[in-house]
Amino acid sequence: MAQLRIPLDAQRFAKGLTWKDYMAQMGDTRARTEDNYQKAALTEEERKFFGTISQVRYVLMLAENWCGDVHRNSPLIARIAEAMPGCELRVFLRDQNLDLTDCFLNNGFRSIPIVVLFDQDWNEIGRWTERAHAATAKVVGIRARTLDAAPKDQQQKPAGEEKERGIFGRMLEKIGL
């Protein structure tokens, strides 16, 4: 099977939002992410560790403002990128960049955030998808006791963006997951 070509180069990467620009366009969700960014300060040991990583030149993050996982995880990703010498982070909105997004499907889904690390020659050297496995296990457990337990005729099937976020996503945001 041929490897999927990622439609990204220096020119396209430069069109992505810097962390500062991404935060500025967030609207009513900005305060939540700014608060998480302030809390995501790296320890001295973490800064030293990430300061030794020189292979990562570019960090691509696919995100959307409405996503709870983006609010929780993107501030730490930004802090890590800041700590790596010579590293640039650019944020691309998932739904406006489907050609990029579809290169990083998670079991067929357009999960976010997606974080992809590239070297100076645009070779992918690492990828992180959505959330930590422990958090996903917690979500699956909650869903099994709540939404999945509803009778089939009462289970809602949202469409479009709401399918990605759905009632479940809004519920998790309210309880802080």
N, C-alpha and C. Protein backbone atom coordinates (compact mmCIF):
# COMPACT_ATOMS: atom_id res chain seq x y z
N MET A 1 0.85 -1.18 0.00
CA MET A 1 0.00 0.00 0.00
C MET A 1 0.89 1.24 0.00
N ALA A 2 0.58 2.22 -0.83
CA ALA A 2 1.36 3.45 -0.91
C ALA A 2 1.09 4.31 0.32
N GLN A 3 2.13 5.03 0.74
CA GLN A 3 1.98 5.92 1.88
C GLN A 3 1.22 7.17 1.45
N LEU A 4 0.29 7.61 2.26
CA LEU A 4 -0.49 8.80 1.98
C LEU A 4 0.40 10.03 2.02
N ARG A 5 0.34 10.86 1.01
CA ARG A 5 1.14 12.07 0.97
C ARG A 5 0.41 13.16 1.75
N ILE A 6 1.10 13.74 2.70
CA ILE A 6 0.54 14.79 3.53
C ILE A 6 0.69 16.12 2.77
N PRO A 7 -0.42 16.82 2.48
CA PRO A 7 -0.35 18.06 1.71
C PRO A 7 0.14 19.23 2.55
N LEU A 8 1.41 19.16 2.94
CA LEU A 8 1.97 20.19 3.81
C LEU A 8 3.41 20.45 3.42
N ASP A 9 3.74 21.72 3.28
CA ASP A 9 5.11 22.15 3.04
C ASP A 9 5.28 23.49 3.77
N ALA A 10 6.43 24.10 3.62
CA ALA A 10 6.71 25.35 4.35
C ALA A 10 5.71 26.44 4.02
N GLN A 11 5.32 26.54 2.76
CA GLN A 11 4.39 27.59 2.34
C GLN A 11 3.02 27.39 2.99
N ARG A 12 2.51 26.18 2.97
CA ARG A 12 1.21 25.90 3.59
C ARG A 12 1.30 26.03 5.10
N PHE A 13 2.36 25.52 5.69
CA PHE A 13 2.53 25.59 7.14
C PHE A 13 2.49 27.04 7.61
N ALA A 14 3.12 27.93 6.86
CA ALA A 14 3.16 29.35 7.23
C ALA A 14 1.77 29.98 7.27
N LYS A 15 0.81 29.38 6.58
CA LYS A 15 -0.56 29.89 6.56
C LYS A 15 -1.36 29.47 7.79
N GLY A 16 -0.83 28.52 8.55
CA GLY A 16 -1.50 28.11 9.78
C GLY A 16 -1.45 29.22 10.82
N LEU A 17 -2.27 29.08 11.83
CA LEU A 17 -2.32 30.08 12.91
C LEU A 17 -1.21 29.82 13.92
N THR A 18 -0.52 30.87 14.31
CA THR A 18 0.39 30.74 15.44
C THR A 18 -0.46 30.50 16.68
N TRP A 19 0.15 30.07 17.77
CA TRP A 19 -0.62 29.86 19.00
C TRP A 19 -1.34 31.15 19.40
N LYS A 20 -0.64 32.27 19.32
CA LYS A 20 -1.22 33.56 19.69
C LYS A 20 -2.42 33.89 18.80
N ASP A 21 -2.28 33.68 17.49
CA ASP A 21 -3.38 33.96 16.56
C ASP A 21 -4.54 32.99 16.77
N TYR A 22 -4.22 31.75 17.06
CA TYR A 22 -5.28 30.77 17.34
C TYR A 22 -6.08 31.21 18.57
N MET A 23 -5.39 31.60 19.61
CA MET A 23 -6.08 32.06 20.82
C MET A 23 -6.93 33.30 20.53
N ALA A 24 -6.41 34.21 19.73
CA ALA A 24 -7.11 35.46 19.45
C ALA A 24 -8.43 35.25 18.71
N GLN A 25 -8.53 34.19 17.90
CA GLN A 25 -9.74 33.97 17.11
C GLN A 25 -10.78 33.13 17.83
N MET A 26 -10.51 32.71 19.06
CA MET A 26 -11.37 31.74 19.73
C MET A 26 -12.74 32.25 20.17
N GLY A 27 -12.91 33.52 20.37
CA GLY A 27 -14.21 34.02 20.80
C GLY A 27 -14.53 33.62 22.23
N ASP A 28 -15.76 33.12 22.46
CA ASP A 28 -16.23 32.86 23.83
C ASP A 28 -15.55 31.67 24.51
N THR A 29 -14.77 30.91 23.80
CA THR A 29 -14.06 29.78 24.41
C THR A 29 -12.62 30.13 24.80
N ARG A 30 -12.22 31.35 24.51
CA ARG A 30 -10.83 31.76 24.73
C ARG A 30 -10.42 31.72 26.20
N ALA A 31 -11.25 32.23 27.07
CA ALA A 31 -10.88 32.31 28.49
C ALA A 31 -10.56 30.94 29.07
N ARG A 32 -11.33 29.96 28.69
CA ARG A 32 -11.11 28.59 29.19
C ARG A 32 -9.74 28.07 28.75
N THR A 33 -9.40 28.28 27.48
CA THR A 33 -8.12 27.79 26.97
C THR A 33 -6.97 28.61 27.53
N GLU A 34 -7.15 29.91 27.68
CA GLU A 34 -6.11 30.75 28.29
C GLU A 34 -5.82 30.30 29.72
N ASP A 35 -6.88 30.00 30.46
CA ASP A 35 -6.71 29.51 31.83
C ASP A 35 -5.91 28.20 31.84
N ASN A 36 -6.25 27.29 30.94
CA ASN A 36 -5.52 26.02 30.85
C ASN A 36 -4.07 26.24 30.42
N TYR A 37 -3.84 27.23 29.57
CA TYR A 37 -2.48 27.55 29.13
C TYR A 37 -1.64 28.03 30.32
N GLN A 38 -2.23 28.86 31.17
CA GLN A 38 -1.51 29.34 32.36
C GLN A 38 -1.19 28.19 33.31
N LYS A 39 -2.10 27.25 33.42
CA LYS A 39 -1.91 26.09 34.30
C LYS A 39 -0.94 25.06 33.72
N ALA A 40 -0.67 25.14 32.42
CA ALA A 40 0.14 24.12 31.73
C ALA A 40 1.63 24.44 31.76
N ALA A 41 2.06 25.25 32.68
CA ALA A 41 3.49 25.59 32.76
C ALA A 41 4.30 24.31 33.00
N LEU A 42 5.39 24.18 32.25
CA LEU A 42 6.27 23.02 32.41
C LEU A 42 7.17 23.20 33.63
N THR A 43 7.51 22.10 34.25
CA THR A 43 8.48 22.14 35.34
C THR A 43 9.86 22.40 34.75
N GLU A 44 10.80 22.73 35.58
CA GLU A 44 12.18 22.94 35.12
C GLU A 44 12.72 21.66 34.48
N GLU A 45 12.44 20.52 35.07
CA GLU A 45 12.89 19.24 34.52
C GLU A 45 12.28 18.98 33.14
N GLU A 46 10.99 19.29 32.98
CA GLU A 46 10.34 19.11 31.69
C GLU A 46 10.91 20.05 30.64
N ARG A 47 11.14 21.31 31.03
CA ARG A 47 11.74 22.27 30.09
C ARG A 47 13.12 21.80 29.65
N LYS A 48 13.90 21.28 30.57
CA LYS A 48 15.23 20.76 30.21
C LYS A 48 15.11 19.59 29.26
N PHE A 49 14.19 18.68 29.56
CA PHE A 49 14.00 17.51 28.69
C PHE A 49 13.62 17.95 27.27
N PHE A 50 12.56 18.75 27.15
CA PHE A 50 12.11 19.17 25.82
C PHE A 50 13.13 20.09 25.15
N GLY A 51 13.93 20.77 25.93
CA GLY A 51 14.99 21.61 25.38
C GLY A 51 16.09 20.83 24.70
N THR A 52 16.17 19.54 24.95
CA THR A 52 17.18 18.70 24.30
C THR A 52 16.69 18.10 22.98
N ILE A 53 15.42 18.29 22.68
CA ILE A 53 14.86 17.70 21.45
C ILE A 53 15.04 18.70 20.31
N SER A 54 16.00 18.40 19.46
CA SER A 54 16.30 19.33 18.37
C SER A 54 15.81 18.85 17.01
N GLN A 55 15.33 17.60 16.92
CA GLN A 55 14.87 17.05 15.65
C GLN A 55 13.54 17.65 15.19
N VAL A 56 12.71 18.06 16.13
CA VAL A 56 11.37 18.56 15.78
C VAL A 56 11.49 20.02 15.36
N ARG A 57 11.13 20.27 14.11
CA ARG A 57 11.19 21.64 13.58
C ARG A 57 9.80 22.24 13.46
N TYR A 58 8.83 21.39 13.11
CA TYR A 58 7.46 21.87 12.88
C TYR A 58 6.47 21.00 13.65
N VAL A 59 5.48 21.67 14.28
CA VAL A 59 4.40 20.96 14.96
C VAL A 59 3.09 21.46 14.34
N LEU A 60 2.34 20.53 13.78
CA LEU A 60 1.03 20.80 13.20
C LEU A 60 -0.01 20.37 14.22
N MET A 61 -0.96 21.24 14.51
CA MET A 61 -2.08 20.86 15.38
C MET A 61 -3.37 21.12 14.62
N LEU A 62 -4.22 20.10 14.55
CA LEU A 62 -5.56 20.25 14.01
C LEU A 62 -6.50 20.40 15.19
N ALA A 63 -7.35 21.42 15.13
CA ALA A 63 -8.17 21.74 16.29
C ALA A 63 -9.48 22.40 15.85
N GLU A 64 -10.39 22.54 16.78
CA GLU A 64 -11.61 23.34 16.63
C GLU A 64 -11.92 23.94 17.99
N ASN A 65 -12.48 25.12 17.99
CA ASN A 65 -12.73 25.86 19.23
C ASN A 65 -13.76 25.20 20.15
N TRP A 66 -14.66 24.41 19.61
CA TRP A 66 -15.75 23.83 20.41
C TRP A 66 -15.34 22.55 21.13
N CYS A 67 -14.17 22.02 20.84
CA CYS A 67 -13.79 20.70 21.34
C CYS A 67 -13.15 20.74 22.73
N GLY A 68 -13.72 20.02 23.66
CA GLY A 68 -13.19 19.97 25.02
C GLY A 68 -11.79 19.39 25.09
N ASP A 69 -11.49 18.36 24.30
CA ASP A 69 -10.14 17.80 24.29
C ASP A 69 -9.13 18.83 23.80
N VAL A 70 -9.53 19.69 22.88
CA VAL A 70 -8.64 20.76 22.41
C VAL A 70 -8.38 21.74 23.54
N HIS A 71 -9.41 22.13 24.25
CA HIS A 71 -9.24 23.08 25.37
C HIS A 71 -8.31 22.52 26.44
N ARG A 72 -8.44 21.23 26.71
CA ARG A 72 -7.63 20.61 27.76
C ARG A 72 -6.20 20.35 27.32
N ASN A 73 -6.00 19.92 26.08
CA ASN A 73 -4.69 19.43 25.67
C ASN A 73 -3.84 20.41 24.87
N SER A 74 -4.45 21.28 24.09
CA SER A 74 -3.65 22.17 23.24
C SER A 74 -2.74 23.12 24.02
N PRO A 75 -3.12 23.61 25.19
CA PRO A 75 -2.19 24.48 25.92
C PRO A 75 -0.88 23.78 26.29
N LEU A 76 -0.97 22.52 26.67
CA LEU A 76 0.25 21.78 27.01
C LEU A 76 1.09 21.53 25.75
N ILE A 77 0.44 21.23 24.65
CA ILE A 77 1.16 21.05 23.38
C ILE A 77 1.89 22.34 23.02
N ALA A 78 1.23 23.48 23.19
CA ALA A 78 1.87 24.77 22.91
C ALA A 78 3.08 24.98 23.81
N ARG A 79 2.97 24.65 25.08
CA ARG A 79 4.10 24.80 26.01
C ARG A 79 5.27 23.91 25.61
N ILE A 80 4.97 22.69 25.21
CA ILE A 80 6.03 21.76 24.79
C ILE A 80 6.72 22.29 23.53
N ALA A 81 5.94 22.76 22.57
CA ALA A 81 6.53 23.31 21.33
C ALA A 81 7.41 24.51 21.65
N GLU A 82 6.97 25.34 22.58
CA GLU A 82 7.78 26.50 22.98
C GLU A 82 9.11 26.08 23.59
N ALA A 83 9.13 24.95 24.26
CA ALA A 83 10.34 24.50 24.95
C ALA A 83 11.36 23.85 24.02
N MET A 84 10.91 23.39 22.85
CA MET A 84 11.82 22.73 21.92
C MET A 84 12.53 23.78 21.06
N PRO A 85 13.86 23.78 21.05
CA PRO A 85 14.60 24.81 20.32
C PRO A 85 14.34 24.75 18.81
N GLY A 86 14.04 25.92 18.22
CA GLY A 86 13.84 26.02 16.78
C GLY A 86 12.53 25.43 16.28
N CYS A 87 11.63 25.12 17.18
CA CYS A 87 10.36 24.49 16.82
C CYS A 87 9.28 25.55 16.57
N GLU A 88 8.49 25.33 15.53
CA GLU A 88 7.36 26.22 15.23
C GLU A 88 6.06 25.42 15.32
N LEU A 89 5.07 26.00 15.96
CA LEU A 89 3.73 25.40 16.05
C LEU A 89 2.78 26.20 15.18
N ARG A 90 1.97 25.49 14.42
CA ARG A 90 0.89 26.12 13.67
C ARG A 90 -0.38 25.31 13.88
N VAL A 91 -1.47 26.03 14.07
CA VAL A 91 -2.78 25.42 14.30
C VAL A 91 -3.62 25.60 13.05
N PHE A 92 -4.22 24.50 12.61
CA PHE A 92 -5.13 24.52 11.47
C PHE A 92 -6.50 24.07 11.97
N LEU A 93 -7.53 24.81 11.60
CA LEU A 93 -8.88 24.42 11.99
C LEU A 93 -9.29 23.20 11.17
N ARG A 94 -9.68 22.16 11.86
CA ARG A 94 -9.98 20.88 11.24
C ARG A 94 -10.95 20.99 10.08
N ASP A 95 -12.09 21.64 10.32
CA ASP A 95 -13.15 21.64 9.32
C ASP A 95 -12.86 22.53 8.12
N GLN A 96 -11.86 23.37 8.22
CA GLN A 96 -11.44 24.21 7.09
C GLN A 96 -10.25 23.61 6.34
N ASN A 97 -9.74 22.49 6.81
CA ASN A 97 -8.56 21.87 6.23
C ASN A 97 -8.74 20.37 6.15
N LEU A 98 -9.81 19.94 5.50
CA LEU A 98 -10.13 18.52 5.46
C LEU A 98 -9.08 17.70 4.72
N ASP A 99 -8.38 18.30 3.77
CA ASP A 99 -7.33 17.54 3.08
C ASP A 99 -6.22 17.16 4.05
N LEU A 100 -5.91 18.03 4.99
CA LEU A 100 -4.93 17.70 6.04
C LEU A 100 -5.55 16.73 7.04
N THR A 101 -6.74 17.07 7.51
CA THR A 101 -7.42 16.26 8.51
C THR A 101 -7.55 14.81 8.09
N ASP A 102 -7.92 14.59 6.85
CA ASP A 102 -8.17 13.23 6.39
C ASP A 102 -6.90 12.40 6.25
N CYS A 103 -5.75 13.01 6.40
CA CYS A 103 -4.49 12.26 6.44
C CYS A 103 -4.25 11.64 7.81
N PHE A 104 -5.02 12.08 8.81
CA PHE A 104 -4.77 11.67 10.20
C PHE A 104 -6.03 11.14 10.88
N LEU A 105 -6.82 10.37 10.14
CA LEU A 105 -8.05 9.83 10.72
C LEU A 105 -7.72 8.87 11.86
N ASN A 106 -8.59 8.85 12.84
CA ASN A 106 -8.46 7.98 14.01
C ASN A 106 -9.54 6.91 13.90
N ASN A 107 -9.18 5.74 13.38
CA ASN A 107 -10.16 4.67 13.14
C ASN A 107 -11.32 5.16 12.29
N GLY A 108 -11.02 6.01 11.31
CA GLY A 108 -12.03 6.53 10.40
C GLY A 108 -12.70 7.81 10.85
N PHE A 109 -12.37 8.30 12.04
CA PHE A 109 -12.99 9.50 12.58
C PHE A 109 -12.04 10.68 12.51
N ARG A 110 -12.60 11.87 12.42
CA ARG A 110 -11.82 13.11 12.40
C ARG A 110 -11.64 13.63 13.82
N SER A 111 -10.94 12.87 14.62
CA SER A 111 -10.69 13.22 16.02
C SER A 111 -9.80 14.46 16.10
N ILE A 112 -9.96 15.21 17.17
CA ILE A 112 -9.08 16.35 17.46
C ILE A 112 -8.86 16.43 18.96
N PRO A 113 -7.79 17.01 19.39
CA PRO A 113 -6.72 17.54 18.56
C PRO A 113 -5.87 16.41 17.97
N ILE A 114 -5.29 16.72 16.84
CA ILE A 114 -4.26 15.89 16.22
C ILE A 114 -2.99 16.73 16.26
N VAL A 115 -1.92 16.14 16.73
CA VAL A 115 -0.63 16.84 16.80
C VAL A 115 0.37 15.98 16.03
N VAL A 116 1.03 16.59 15.04
CA VAL A 116 1.98 15.86 14.22
C VAL A 116 3.31 16.61 14.25
N LEU A 117 4.37 15.87 14.52
CA LEU A 117 5.72 16.44 14.60
C LEU A 117 6.48 16.12 13.32
N PHE A 118 7.14 17.13 12.76
CA PHE A 118 7.92 16.97 11.54
C PHE A 118 9.35 17.45 11.76
N ASP A 119 10.28 16.84 11.02
CA ASP A 119 11.66 17.32 11.05
C ASP A 119 11.82 18.43 10.01
N GLN A 120 13.03 18.91 9.83
CA GLN A 120 13.27 20.04 8.92
C GLN A 120 12.96 19.72 7.46
N ASP A 121 12.93 18.43 7.10
CA ASP A 121 12.63 18.02 5.73
C ASP A 121 11.19 17.55 5.55
N TRP A 122 10.33 17.83 6.51
CA TRP A 122 8.92 17.50 6.49
C TRP A 122 8.64 16.01 6.59
N ASN A 123 9.56 15.28 7.19
CA ASN A 123 9.31 13.87 7.49
C ASN A 123 8.56 13.81 8.81
N GLU A 124 7.48 13.04 8.84
CA GLU A 124 6.74 12.88 10.09
C GLU A 124 7.58 12.05 11.05
N ILE A 125 7.76 12.59 12.27
CA ILE A 125 8.55 11.85 13.26
C ILE A 125 7.75 11.52 14.51
N GLY A 126 6.52 11.95 14.57
CA GLY A 126 5.67 11.61 15.71
C GLY A 126 4.27 12.13 15.52
N ARG A 127 3.33 11.49 16.23
CA ARG A 127 1.92 11.87 16.12
C ARG A 127 1.22 11.57 17.43
N TRP A 128 0.30 12.46 17.81
CA TRP A 128 -0.50 12.27 19.01
C TRP A 128 -1.95 12.59 18.63
N THR A 129 -2.87 11.73 19.05
CA THR A 129 -4.26 11.86 18.65
C THR A 129 -5.19 11.98 19.83
N GLU A 130 -5.97 13.04 19.87
CA GLU A 130 -7.15 13.25 20.71
C GLU A 130 -6.88 13.39 22.21
N ARG A 131 -6.58 12.31 22.88
CA ARG A 131 -6.40 12.37 24.34
C ARG A 131 -5.64 11.13 24.79
N ALA A 132 -5.21 11.16 26.02
CA ALA A 132 -4.48 10.02 26.60
C ALA A 132 -5.40 8.80 26.68
N HIS A 133 -4.82 7.61 26.58
CA HIS A 133 -5.60 6.37 26.63
C HIS A 133 -6.40 6.25 27.92
N ALA A 134 -5.83 6.69 29.03
CA ALA A 134 -6.54 6.60 30.31
C ALA A 134 -7.80 7.45 30.29
N ALA A 135 -7.73 8.63 29.67
CA ALA A 135 -8.91 9.50 29.56
C ALA A 135 -9.95 8.87 28.65
N THR A 136 -9.51 8.25 27.56
CA THR A 136 -10.45 7.59 26.66
C THR A 136 -11.17 6.45 27.38
N ALA A 137 -10.45 5.69 28.18
CA ALA A 137 -11.06 4.59 28.93
C ALA A 137 -12.12 5.14 29.89
N LYS A 138 -11.84 6.27 30.51
CA LYS A 138 -12.80 6.88 31.43
C LYS A 138 -14.06 7.32 30.67
N VAL A 139 -13.87 7.90 29.49
CA VAL A 139 -14.98 8.34 28.66
C VAL A 139 -15.84 7.14 28.25
N VAL A 140 -15.22 6.07 27.84
CA VAL A 140 -15.95 4.86 27.43
C VAL A 140 -16.77 4.33 28.60
N GLY A 141 -16.20 4.33 29.79
CA GLY A 141 -16.92 3.87 30.98
C GLY A 141 -18.13 4.73 31.29
N ILE A 142 -17.97 6.04 31.21
CA ILE A 142 -19.09 6.95 31.46
C ILE A 142 -20.18 6.75 30.41
N ARG A 143 -19.74 6.66 29.16
CA ARG A 143 -20.71 6.49 28.07
C ARG A 143 -21.50 5.19 28.24
N ALA A 144 -20.85 4.13 28.66
CA ALA A 144 -21.52 2.84 28.83
C ALA A 144 -22.61 2.93 29.90
N ARG A 145 -22.40 3.76 30.91
CA ARG A 145 -23.38 3.90 32.00
C ARG A 145 -24.46 4.93 31.69
N THR A 146 -24.25 5.75 30.66
CA THR A 146 -25.19 6.85 30.40
C THR A 146 -25.80 6.72 29.01
N LEU A 147 -25.15 7.29 28.02
CA LEU A 147 -25.74 7.35 26.68
C LEU A 147 -25.97 6.00 26.06
N ASP A 148 -25.03 5.10 26.15
CA ASP A 148 -25.19 3.79 25.54
C ASP A 148 -26.24 2.94 26.25
N ALA A 149 -26.58 3.32 27.48
CA ALA A 149 -27.58 2.58 28.24
C ALA A 149 -29.01 3.01 27.88
N ALA A 150 -29.15 4.11 27.16
CA ALA A 150 -30.49 4.58 26.78
C ALA A 150 -31.13 3.60 25.80
N PRO A 151 -32.45 3.46 25.88
CA PRO A 151 -33.14 2.60 24.90
C PRO A 151 -32.85 3.09 23.49
N LYS A 152 -32.76 2.16 22.53
CA LYS A 152 -32.38 2.50 21.15
C LYS A 152 -33.25 3.60 20.57
N ASP A 153 -34.55 3.60 20.88
CA ASP A 153 -35.44 4.61 20.30
C ASP A 153 -35.23 6.00 20.91
N GLN A 154 -34.46 6.08 22.01
CA GLN A 154 -34.20 7.37 22.64
C GLN A 154 -32.76 7.85 22.43
N GLN A 155 -31.96 7.08 21.70
CA GLN A 155 -30.60 7.50 21.41
C GLN A 155 -30.62 8.46 20.24
N GLN A 156 -30.05 9.62 20.46
CA GLN A 156 -30.02 10.66 19.43
C GLN A 156 -28.83 10.44 18.50
N LYS A 157 -29.03 10.64 17.22
CA LYS A 157 -27.98 10.52 16.23
C LYS A 157 -27.74 11.90 15.61
N PRO A 158 -26.88 12.74 16.21
CA PRO A 158 -26.62 14.06 15.66
C PRO A 158 -25.87 13.98 14.33
N ALA A 159 -25.95 15.04 13.56
CA ALA A 159 -25.29 15.08 12.24
C ALA A 159 -24.24 16.18 12.21
N GLY A 160 -23.33 16.10 11.24
CA GLY A 160 -22.31 17.13 11.04
C GLY A 160 -21.43 17.32 12.25
N GLU A 161 -21.13 18.57 12.56
CA GLU A 161 -20.26 18.90 13.71
C GLU A 161 -20.85 18.33 14.99
N GLU A 162 -22.17 18.39 15.10
CA GLU A 162 -22.81 17.87 16.29
C GLU A 162 -22.58 16.37 16.46
N LYS A 163 -22.40 15.65 15.35
CA LYS A 163 -22.10 14.23 15.46
C LYS A 163 -20.77 14.03 16.17
N GLU A 164 -19.80 14.88 15.85
CA GLU A 164 -18.49 14.79 16.48
C GLU A 164 -18.59 15.16 17.97
N ARG A 165 -19.35 16.19 18.25
CA ARG A 165 -19.43 16.72 19.60
C ARG A 165 -20.57 16.08 20.37
N GLY A 166 -21.77 16.13 19.79
CA GLY A 166 -22.96 15.50 20.32
C GLY A 166 -23.29 15.85 21.76
N ILE A 167 -24.32 15.23 22.24
CA ILE A 167 -24.76 15.40 23.62
C ILE A 167 -23.65 14.93 24.56
N PHE A 168 -23.02 13.84 24.20
CA PHE A 168 -21.95 13.28 25.03
C PHE A 168 -20.83 14.28 25.24
N GLY A 169 -20.41 14.96 24.18
CA GLY A 169 -19.35 15.96 24.28
C GLY A 169 -19.75 17.11 25.18
N ARG A 170 -20.97 17.58 25.03
CA ARG A 170 -21.44 18.68 25.89
C ARG A 170 -21.52 18.24 27.35
N MET A 171 -21.94 16.99 27.58
CA MET A 171 -22.03 16.48 28.93
C MET A 171 -20.63 16.42 29.55
N LEU A 172 -19.64 15.91 28.81
CA LEU A 172 -18.28 15.83 29.33
C LEU A 172 -17.73 17.21 29.66
N GLU A 173 -18.02 18.19 28.81
CA GLU A 173 -17.55 19.55 29.09
C GLU A 173 -18.13 20.05 30.42
N LYS A 174 -19.40 19.76 30.67
CA LYS A 174 -20.05 20.24 31.90
C LYS A 174 -19.45 19.60 33.15
N ILE A 175 -19.01 18.36 33.03
CA ILE A 175 -18.43 17.70 34.20
C ILE A 175 -16.92 17.78 34.24
N GLY A 176 -16.36 18.54 33.27
CA GLY A 176 -14.92 18.80 33.30
C GLY A 176 -14.04 17.70 32.77
N LEU A 177 -14.53 16.84 31.89
CA LEU A 177 -13.69 15.79 31.29
C LEU A 177 -13.31 16.17 29.88
